[in-house]
PDB file of N, CA and C in Angstrom:
ATOM      1  N   UNK A   1      -5.866 -10.881  -1.961  1.00  0.00           N
ATOM      2  CA  UNK A   1      -5.635 -10.694  -2.950  1.00  0.00           C
ATOM      3  C   UNK A   1      -6.423  -9.455  -2.469  1.00  0.00           C
ATOM      4  N   UNK A   2      -5.521  -8.106  -4.152  1.00  0.00           N
ATOM      5  CA  UNK A   2      -5.598  -6.598  -3.352  1.00  0.00           C
ATOM      6  C   UNK A   2      -6.268  -6.343  -4.059  1.00  0.00           C
ATOM      7  N   UNK A   3      -7.889  -5.549  -4.279  1.00  0.00           N
ATOM      8  CA  UNK A   3      -8.722  -5.498  -5.268  1.00  0.00           C
ATOM      9  C   UNK A   3      -7.106  -3.857  -5.654  1.00  0.00           C
ATOM     10  N   UNK A   4      -7.145  -3.211  -6.997  1.00  0.00           N
ATOM     11  CA  UNK A   4      -6.871  -1.980  -7.542  1.00  0.00           C
ATOM     12  C   UNK A   4      -7.797  -1.438  -8.160  1.00  0.00           C
ATOM     13  N   UNK A   5      -7.818  -0.463  -7.466  1.00  0.00           N
ATOM     14  CA  UNK A   5      -9.436   0.912  -9.062  1.00  0.00           C
ATOM     15  C   UNK A   5      -9.247   1.500  -8.752  1.00  0.00           C
ATOM     16  N   UNK A   6      -9.618   2.373  -9.849  1.00  0.00           N
ATOM     17  CA  UNK A   6      -9.013   4.152 -10.509  1.00  0.00           C
ATOM     18  C   UNK A   6     -10.107   4.663  -9.382  1.00  0.00           C
ATOM     19  N   UNK A   7      -9.882   5.464  -8.361  1.00  0.00           N
ATOM     20  CA  UNK A   7      -9.723   5.784  -6.743  1.00  0.00           C
ATOM     21  C   UNK A   7     -10.990   7.288  -7.616  1.00  0.00           C
ATOM     22  N   UNK A   8     -11.138   8.044  -7.037  1.00  0.00           N
ATOM     23  CA  UNK A   8     -12.267   9.227  -7.015  1.00  0.00           C
ATOM     24  C   UNK A   8     -11.152  10.273  -6.919  1.00  0.00           C
ATOM     25  N   UNK A   9     -11.348  10.756  -8.772  1.00  0.00           N
ATOM     26  CA  UNK A   9     -10.503  12.234  -8.949  1.00  0.00           C
ATOM     27  C   UNK A   9     -10.941  13.773  -8.377  1.00  0.00           C
ATOM     28  N   UNK A  10     -12.259  13.949  -8.046  1.00  0.00           N
ATOM     29  CA  UNK A  10     -12.706  15.011  -8.286  1.00  0.00           C
ATOM     30  C   UNK A  10     -13.355  15.248  -8.892  1.00  0.00           C
ATOM     31  N   UNK A  11     -13.354  16.990  -8.788  1.00  0.00           N
ATOM     32  CA  UNK A  11     -13.152  17.988 -10.392  1.00  0.00           C
ATOM     33  C   UNK A  11     -14.598  17.239 -11.299  1.00  0.00           C
ATOM     34  N   UNK A  12     -14.895  16.131 -10.629  1.00  0.00           N
ATOM     35  CA  UNK A  12     -16.029  15.643 -11.749  1.00  0.00           C
ATOM     36  C   UNK A  12     -15.665  15.688 -12.759  1.00  0.00           C
ATOM     37  N   UNK A  13     -13.918  14.461 -12.975  1.00  0.00           N
ATOM     38  CA  UNK A  13     -13.731  13.351 -13.709  1.00  0.00           C
ATOM     39  C   UNK A  13     -14.670  11.872 -12.925  1.00  0.00           C
ATOM     40  N   UNK A  14     -14.227  11.042 -14.469  1.00  0.00           N
ATOM     41  CA  UNK A  14     -14.854  10.586 -14.094  1.00  0.00           C
ATOM     42  C   UNK A  14     -14.050   9.088 -14.667  1.00  0.00           C
ATOM     43  N   UNK A  15     -13.771   9.915 -16.358  1.00  0.00           N
ATOM     44  CA  UNK A  15     -12.165   8.946 -16.177  1.00  0.00           C
ATOM     45  C   UNK A  15     -11.064   8.696 -16.795  1.00  0.00           C
ATOM     46  N   UNK A  16     -10.188   8.570 -16.974  1.00  0.00           N
ATOM     47  CA  UNK A  16      -8.636   8.029 -17.198  1.00  0.00           C
ATOM     48  C   UNK A  16      -8.332   7.268 -17.891  1.00  0.00           C
ATOM     49  N   UNK A  17      -6.842   7.851 -17.890  1.00  0.00           N
ATOM     50  CA  UNK A  17      -6.079   7.115 -19.101  1.00  0.00           C
ATOM     51  C   UNK A  17      -5.792   6.446 -19.262  1.00  0.00           C
ATOM     52  N   UNK A  18      -5.274   4.780 -19.491  1.00  0.00           N
ATOM     53  CA  UNK A  18      -3.258   4.259 -18.982  1.00  0.00           C
ATOM     54  C   UNK A  18      -1.973   4.311 -19.758  1.00  0.00           C
ATOM     55  N   UNK A  19      -1.461   5.189 -19.585  1.00  0.00           N
ATOM     56  CA  UNK A  19      -0.420   5.392 -19.903  1.00  0.00           C
ATOM     57  C   UNK A  19       0.568   4.964 -19.821  1.00  0.00           C
ATOM     58  N   UNK A  20       0.853   4.158 -18.749  1.00  0.00           N
ATOM     59  CA  UNK A  20       2.155   2.637 -18.820  1.00  0.00           C
ATOM     60  C   UNK A  20       1.822   2.545 -17.364  1.00  0.00           C
ATOM     61  N   UNK A  21       2.648   1.031 -16.996  1.00  0.00           N
ATOM     62  CA  UNK A  21       2.147  -0.038 -15.957  1.00  0.00           C
ATOM     63  C   UNK A  21       3.943   0.753 -15.718  1.00  0.00           C
ATOM     64  N   UNK A  22       4.235   0.662 -14.424  1.00  0.00           N
ATOM     65  CA  UNK A  22       5.573  -0.018 -13.919  1.00  0.00           C
ATOM     66  C   UNK A  22       5.718  -1.366 -13.615  1.00  0.00           C
ATOM     67  N   UNK A  23       5.421  -2.235 -13.935  1.00  0.00           N
ATOM     68  CA  UNK A  23       5.216  -4.027 -13.375  1.00  0.00           C
ATOM     69  C   UNK A  23       4.561  -4.616 -14.217  1.00  0.00           C
ATOM     70  N   UNK A  24       4.846  -5.813 -14.777  1.00  0.00           N
ATOM     71  CA  UNK A  24       4.212  -6.543 -15.772  1.00  0.00           C
ATOM     72  C   UNK A  24       3.602  -7.949 -14.532  1.00  0.00           C
ATOM     73  N   UNK A  25       2.506  -8.075 -15.222  1.00  0.00           N
ATOM     74  CA  UNK A  25       1.401  -9.337 -14.515  1.00  0.00           C
ATOM     75  C   UNK A  25       3.074 -10.385 -14.125  1.00  0.00           C
ATOM     76  N   UNK A  26       2.948 -11.418 -12.745  1.00  0.00           N
ATOM     77  CA  UNK A  26       3.565 -12.127 -12.588  1.00  0.00           C
ATOM     78  C   UNK A  26       5.099 -11.232 -11.625  1.00  0.00           C
ATOM     79  N   UNK A  27       5.081  -9.622 -11.426  1.00  0.00           N
ATOM     80  CA  UNK A  27       5.384  -9.375 -11.011  1.00  0.00           C
ATOM     81  C   UNK A  27       5.735  -9.005  -9.275  1.00  0.00           C
ATOM     82  N   UNK A  28       6.952  -8.878  -9.037  1.00  0.00           N
ATOM     83  CA  UNK A  28       6.689  -8.525  -7.590  1.00  0.00           C
ATOM     84  C   UNK A  28       6.905  -6.860  -7.392  1.00  0.00           C
ATOM     85  N   UNK A  29       5.464  -6.436  -6.288  1.00  0.00           N
ATOM     86  CA  UNK A  29       5.477  -4.910  -6.739  1.00  0.00           C
ATOM     87  C   UNK A  29       5.164  -4.956  -4.959  1.00  0.00           C
ATOM     88  N   UNK A  30       6.112  -3.300  -4.687  1.00  0.00           N
ATOM     89  CA  UNK A  30       6.295  -2.709  -2.749  1.00  0.00           C
ATOM     90  C   UNK A  30       5.035  -2.244  -2.268  1.00  0.00           C
ATOM     91  N   UNK A  31       5.002  -1.646  -1.384  1.00  0.00           N
ATOM     92  CA  UNK A  31       2.686  -1.213  -1.283  1.00  0.00           C
ATOM     93  C   UNK A  31       3.642   0.094  -1.090  1.00  0.00           C
ATOM     94  N   UNK A  32       3.201   1.616  -1.497  1.00  0.00           N
ATOM     95  CA  UNK A  32       3.786   3.038  -2.405  1.00  0.00           C
ATOM     96  C   UNK A  32       4.385   2.558  -3.615  1.00  0.00           C
ATOM     97  N   UNK A  33       5.222   2.206  -4.174  1.00  0.00           N
ATOM     98  CA  UNK A  33       5.449   1.668  -5.347  1.00  0.00           C
ATOM     99  C   UNK A  33       5.170   2.351  -6.391  1.00  0.00           C
ATOM    100  N   UNK A  34       5.595   3.076  -7.548  1.00  0.00           N
ATOM    101  CA  UNK A  34       4.503   3.677  -8.403  1.00  0.00           C
ATOM    102  C   UNK A  34       3.585   2.477  -9.333  1.00  0.00           C
ATOM    103  N   UNK A  35       2.502   2.420  -9.071  1.00  0.00           N
ATOM    104  CA  UNK A  35       1.978   0.291 -10.173  1.00  0.00           C
ATOM    105  C   UNK A  35       1.829   1.451 -11.639  1.00  0.00           C
ATOM    106  N   UNK A  36       0.660   2.123 -11.526  1.00  0.00           N
ATOM    107  CA  UNK A  36       0.272   2.717 -12.906  1.00  0.00           C
ATOM    108  C   UNK A  36       0.572   4.162 -12.813  1.00  0.00           C
ATOM    109  N   UNK A  37       1.020   4.816 -14.569  1.00  0.00           N
ATOM    110  CA  UNK A  37       1.118   5.882 -14.401  1.00  0.00           C
ATOM    111  C   UNK A  37      -0.737   6.217 -15.160  1.00  0.00           C
ATOM    112  N   UNK A  38      -1.138   7.186 -14.840  1.00  0.00           N
ATOM    113  CA  UNK A  38      -2.775   7.387 -15.523  1.00  0.00           C
ATOM    114  C   UNK A  38      -2.780   9.276 -15.781  1.00  0.00           C
ATOM    115  N   UNK A  39      -3.629   9.319 -17.214  1.00  0.00           N
ATOM    116  CA  UNK A  39      -4.036  10.492 -17.260  1.00  0.00           C
ATOM    117  C   UNK A  39      -5.240  10.732 -17.561  1.00  0.00           C
ATOM    118  N   UNK A  40      -5.777  12.464 -17.298  1.00  0.00           N
ATOM    119  CA  UNK A  40      -7.676  13.052 -17.486  1.00  0.00           C
ATOM    120  C   UNK A  40      -7.066  13.900 -18.884  1.00  0.00           C
ATOM    121  N   UNK A  41      -8.461  14.597 -18.754  1.00  0.00           N
ATOM    122  CA  UNK A  41      -8.031  15.376 -19.723  1.00  0.00           C
ATOM    123  C   UNK A  41      -7.655  16.624 -18.689  1.00  0.00           C
ATOM    124  N   UNK A  42      -6.712  17.249 -17.914  1.00  0.00           N
ATOM    125  CA  UNK A  42      -6.399  17.909 -16.475  1.00  0.00           C
ATOM    126  C   UNK A  42      -4.926  17.397 -15.670  1.00  0.00           C
ATOM    127  N   UNK A  43      -4.694  16.303 -16.276  1.00  0.00           N
ATOM    128  CA  UNK A  43      -3.778  15.678 -14.884  1.00  0.00           C
ATOM    129  C   UNK A  43      -3.180  14.633 -15.198  1.00  0.00           C
ATOM    130  N   UNK A  44      -1.602  14.752 -15.068  1.00  0.00           N
ATOM    131  CA  UNK A  44      -1.176  12.313 -15.516  1.00  0.00           C
ATOM    132  C   UNK A  44      -0.343  13.023 -14.091  1.00  0.00           C
ATOM    133  N   UNK A  45      -0.853  11.468 -12.699  1.00  0.00           N
ATOM    134  CA  UNK A  45      -0.638  11.314 -12.153  1.00  0.00           C
ATOM    135  C   UNK A  45       0.254   9.559 -12.227  1.00  0.00           C
ATOM    136  N   UNK A  46       0.235   9.323 -10.410  1.00  0.00           N
ATOM    137  CA  UNK A  46       0.843   7.559 -10.848  1.00  0.00           C
ATOM    138  C   UNK A  46      -0.448   7.230  -9.558  1.00  0.00           C
ATOM    139  N   UNK A  47      -0.800   5.839  -9.899  1.00  0.00           N
ATOM    140  CA  UNK A  47      -1.193   5.051  -8.985  1.00  0.00           C
ATOM    141  C   UNK A  47      -0.187   4.670  -8.426  1.00  0.00           C
ATOM    142  N   UNK A  48      -0.625   4.760  -6.725  1.00  0.00           N
ATOM    143  CA  UNK A  48       0.988   4.098  -6.068  1.00  0.00           C
ATOM    144  C   UNK A  48       0.480   2.844  -5.678  1.00  0.00           C
ATOM    145  N   UNK A  49       0.924   0.950  -5.535  1.00  0.00           N
ATOM    146  CA  UNK A  49       0.608   0.028  -5.363  1.00  0.00           C
ATOM    147  C   UNK A  49      -0.288   0.126  -3.376  1.00  0.00           C
ATOM    148  N   UNK A  50      -0.824  -0.163  -3.339  1.00  0.00           N
ATOM    149  CA  UNK A  50      -2.014   0.083  -2.400  1.00  0.00           C
ATOM    150  C   UNK A  50      -2.145  -1.762  -0.858  1.00  0.00           C
ATOM    151  N   UNK A  51      -1.000  -3.007  -1.718  1.00  0.00           N
ATOM    152  CA  UNK A  51      -0.342  -3.446  -0.621  1.00  0.00           C
ATOM    153  C   UNK A  51       0.911  -4.184  -1.338  1.00  0.00           C
ATOM    154  N   UNK A  52       2.251  -4.606  -0.591  1.00  0.00           N
ATOM    155  CA  UNK A  52       3.023  -5.695  -1.156  1.00  0.00           C
ATOM    156  C   UNK A  52       2.867  -6.666  -1.357  1.00  0.00           C
ATOM    157  N   UNK A  53       3.120  -7.221  -2.970  1.00  0.00           N
ATOM    158  CA  UNK A  53       3.072  -8.707  -3.266  1.00  0.00           C
ATOM    159  C   UNK A  53       3.200  -8.980  -4.618  1.00  0.00           C
ATOM    160  N   UNK A  54       2.294  -9.862  -5.159  1.00  0.00           N
ATOM    161  CA  UNK A  54       2.578 -10.034  -7.055  1.00  0.00           C
ATOM    162  C   UNK A  54       2.037  -9.397  -8.085  1.00  0.00           C
ATOM    163  N   UNK A  55       2.173  -8.950  -8.382  1.00  0.00           N
ATOM    164  CA  UNK A  55       0.484  -7.985  -9.457  1.00  0.00           C
ATOM    165  C   UNK A  55       0.191  -9.420 -10.946  1.00  0.00           C
ATOM    166  N   UNK A  56      -0.883  -9.832 -10.157  1.00  0.00           N
ATOM    167  CA  UNK A  56      -1.128 -10.811 -10.534  1.00  0.00           C
ATOM    168  C   UNK A  56      -2.110 -10.602 -12.337  1.00  0.00           C
ATOM    169  N   UNK A  57      -2.105  -9.687 -12.506  1.00  0.00           N
ATOM    170  CA  UNK A  57      -3.996  -9.324 -13.643  1.00  0.00           C
ATOM    171  C   UNK A  57      -3.390  -7.986 -13.701  1.00  0.00           C
ATOM    172  N   UNK A  58      -4.149  -7.942 -15.255  1.00  0.00           N
ATOM    173  CA  UNK A  58      -3.494  -6.287 -15.193  1.00  0.00           C
ATOM    174  C   UNK A  58      -4.783  -6.127 -16.078  1.00  0.00           C
ATOM    175  N   UNK A  59      -6.082  -5.455 -16.611  1.00  0.00           N
ATOM    176  CA  UNK A  59      -7.355  -5.455 -16.976  1.00  0.00           C
ATOM    177  C   UNK A  59      -7.402  -4.897 -18.106  1.00  0.00           C
ATOM    178  N   UNK A  60      -6.944  -3.542 -17.762  1.00  0.00           N
ATOM    179  CA  UNK A  60      -6.022  -2.529 -18.248  1.00  0.00           C
ATOM    180  C   UNK A  60      -5.125  -2.701 -19.027  1.00  0.00           C
ATOM    181  N   UNK A  61      -4.976  -2.032 -20.379  1.00  0.00           N
ATOM    182  CA  UNK A  61      -3.426  -1.725 -21.327  1.00  0.00           C
ATOM    183  C   UNK A  61      -3.550  -0.527 -21.572  1.00  0.00           C
ATOM    184  N   UNK A  62      -2.116   0.335 -21.859  1.00  0.00           N
ATOM    185  CA  UNK A  62      -1.981   1.463 -21.643  1.00  0.00           C
ATOM    186  C   UNK A  62      -2.613   1.815 -23.078  1.00  0.00           C
ATOM    187  N   UNK A  63      -3.220   2.894 -22.573  1.00  0.00           N
ATOM    188  CA  UNK A  63      -4.157   3.274 -23.606  1.00  0.00           C
ATOM    189  C   UNK A  63      -5.594   2.890 -23.686  1.00  0.00           C
ATOM    190  N   UNK A  64      -5.801   1.783 -23.007  1.00  0.00           N
ATOM    191  CA  UNK A  64      -7.327   1.745 -22.390  1.00  0.00           C
ATOM    192  C   UNK A  64      -8.826   3.174 -22.149  1.00  0.00           C
ATOM    193  N   UNK A  65      -8.769   3.588 -21.904  1.00  0.00           N
ATOM    194  CA  UNK A  65      -9.653   4.476 -20.728  1.00  0.00           C
ATOM    195  C   UNK A  65     -10.305   3.746 -20.306  1.00  0.00           C
ATOM    196  N   UNK A  66     -10.141   3.929 -18.990  1.00  0.00           N
ATOM    197  CA  UNK A  66     -10.882   3.243 -17.088  1.00  0.00           C
ATOM    198  C   UNK A  66     -11.935   4.463 -16.498  1.00  0.00           C
ATOM    199  N   UNK A  67     -12.924   3.763 -16.141  1.00  0.00           N
ATOM    200  CA  UNK A  67     -14.152   4.408 -15.260  1.00  0.00           C
ATOM    201  C   UNK A  67     -13.099   5.180 -13.835  1.00  0.00           C
ATOM    202  N   UNK A  68     -14.409   5.672 -13.528  1.00  0.00           N
ATOM    203  CA  UNK A  68     -13.554   5.722 -11.127  1.00  0.00           C
ATOM    204  C   UNK A  68     -14.478   4.195 -10.825  1.00  0.00           C
ATOM    205  N   UNK A  69     -13.768   3.659  -9.785  1.00  0.00           N
ATOM    206  CA  UNK A  69     -14.136   2.861  -9.288  1.00  0.00           C
ATOM    207  C   UNK A  69     -13.546   1.142 -10.371  1.00  0.00           C
ATOM    208  N   UNK A  70     -13.163   1.309 -10.952  1.00  0.00           N
ATOM    209  CA  UNK A  70     -13.405  -0.238 -12.431  1.00  0.00           C
ATOM    210  C   UNK A  70     -11.623  -0.425 -12.128  1.00  0.00           C
ATOM    211  N   UNK A  71     -11.580  -2.038 -11.355  1.00  0.00           N
ATOM    212  CA  UNK A  71     -10.596  -2.781 -11.565  1.00  0.00           C
ATOM    213  C   UNK A  71      -8.926  -3.124 -12.469  1.00  0.00           C
ATOM    214  N   UNK A  72      -8.854  -2.339 -12.153  1.00  0.00           N
ATOM    215  CA  UNK A  72      -7.300  -1.706 -12.565  1.00  0.00           C
ATOM    216  C   UNK A  72      -6.693  -3.286 -12.278  1.00  0.00           C
ATOM    217  N   UNK A  73      -6.128  -3.796 -11.799  1.00  0.00           N
ATOM    218  CA  UNK A  73      -5.964  -5.145 -11.956  1.00  0.00           C
ATOM    219  C   UNK A  73      -5.735  -5.382 -10.556  1.00  0.00           C
ATOM    220  N   UNK A  74      -5.105  -6.896  -9.672  1.00  0.00           N
ATOM    221  CA  UNK A  74      -5.068  -7.448  -8.809  1.00  0.00           C
ATOM    222  C   UNK A  74      -3.659  -8.271  -8.519  1.00  0.00           C
ATOM    223  N   UNK A  75      -2.987  -7.523  -6.609  1.00  0.00           N
ATOM    224  CA  UNK A  75      -2.264  -8.021  -5.725  1.00  0.00           C
ATOM    225  C   UNK A  75      -2.265  -9.083  -5.163  1.00  0.00           C
ATOM    226  N   UNK A  76      -1.424 -10.588  -5.209  1.00  0.00           N
ATOM    227  CA  UNK A  76      -1.574 -11.056  -4.819  1.00  0.00           C
ATOM    228  C   UNK A  76      -0.732 -11.134  -3.248  1.00  0.00           C
ATOM    229  N   UNK A  77      -1.474 -10.884  -1.945  1.00  0.00           N
ATOM    230  CA  UNK A  77      -0.625 -10.184  -1.436  1.00  0.00           C
ATOM    231  C   UNK A  77      -0.040 -11.704  -0.594  1.00  0.00           C
ATOM    232  N   UNK A  78      -0.276 -12.686  -1.033  1.00  0.00           N
ATOM    233  CA  UNK A  78       0.525 -13.850   0.333  1.00  0.00           C
ATOM    234  C   UNK A  78       0.456 -14.753  -1.318  1.00  0.00           C
ATOM    235  N   UNK A  79       1.023 -14.518  -2.316  1.00  0.00           N
ATOM    236  CA  UNK A  79       1.748 -15.738  -2.749  1.00  0.00           C
ATOM    237  C   UNK A  79       1.609 -17.031  -2.624  1.00  0.00           C
TER     238      UNK A  79
END
């Protein structure tokens, strides 16, 4: 099980808003695929999948605000 967390964003930014998930729960993802698009007041960026597997859970939906360190989702690497 691989936990996907919002990483440190730098420049004192502590939160981001989920703009778009490129995959739905139960879909197969490959390592480094764009997994989720996030936006801050300064930039929009894509967070890549940290591993290949099945995206089994999404904890924050489009429009939700996420703090640095919070878990965005879970990828099962040995489904």
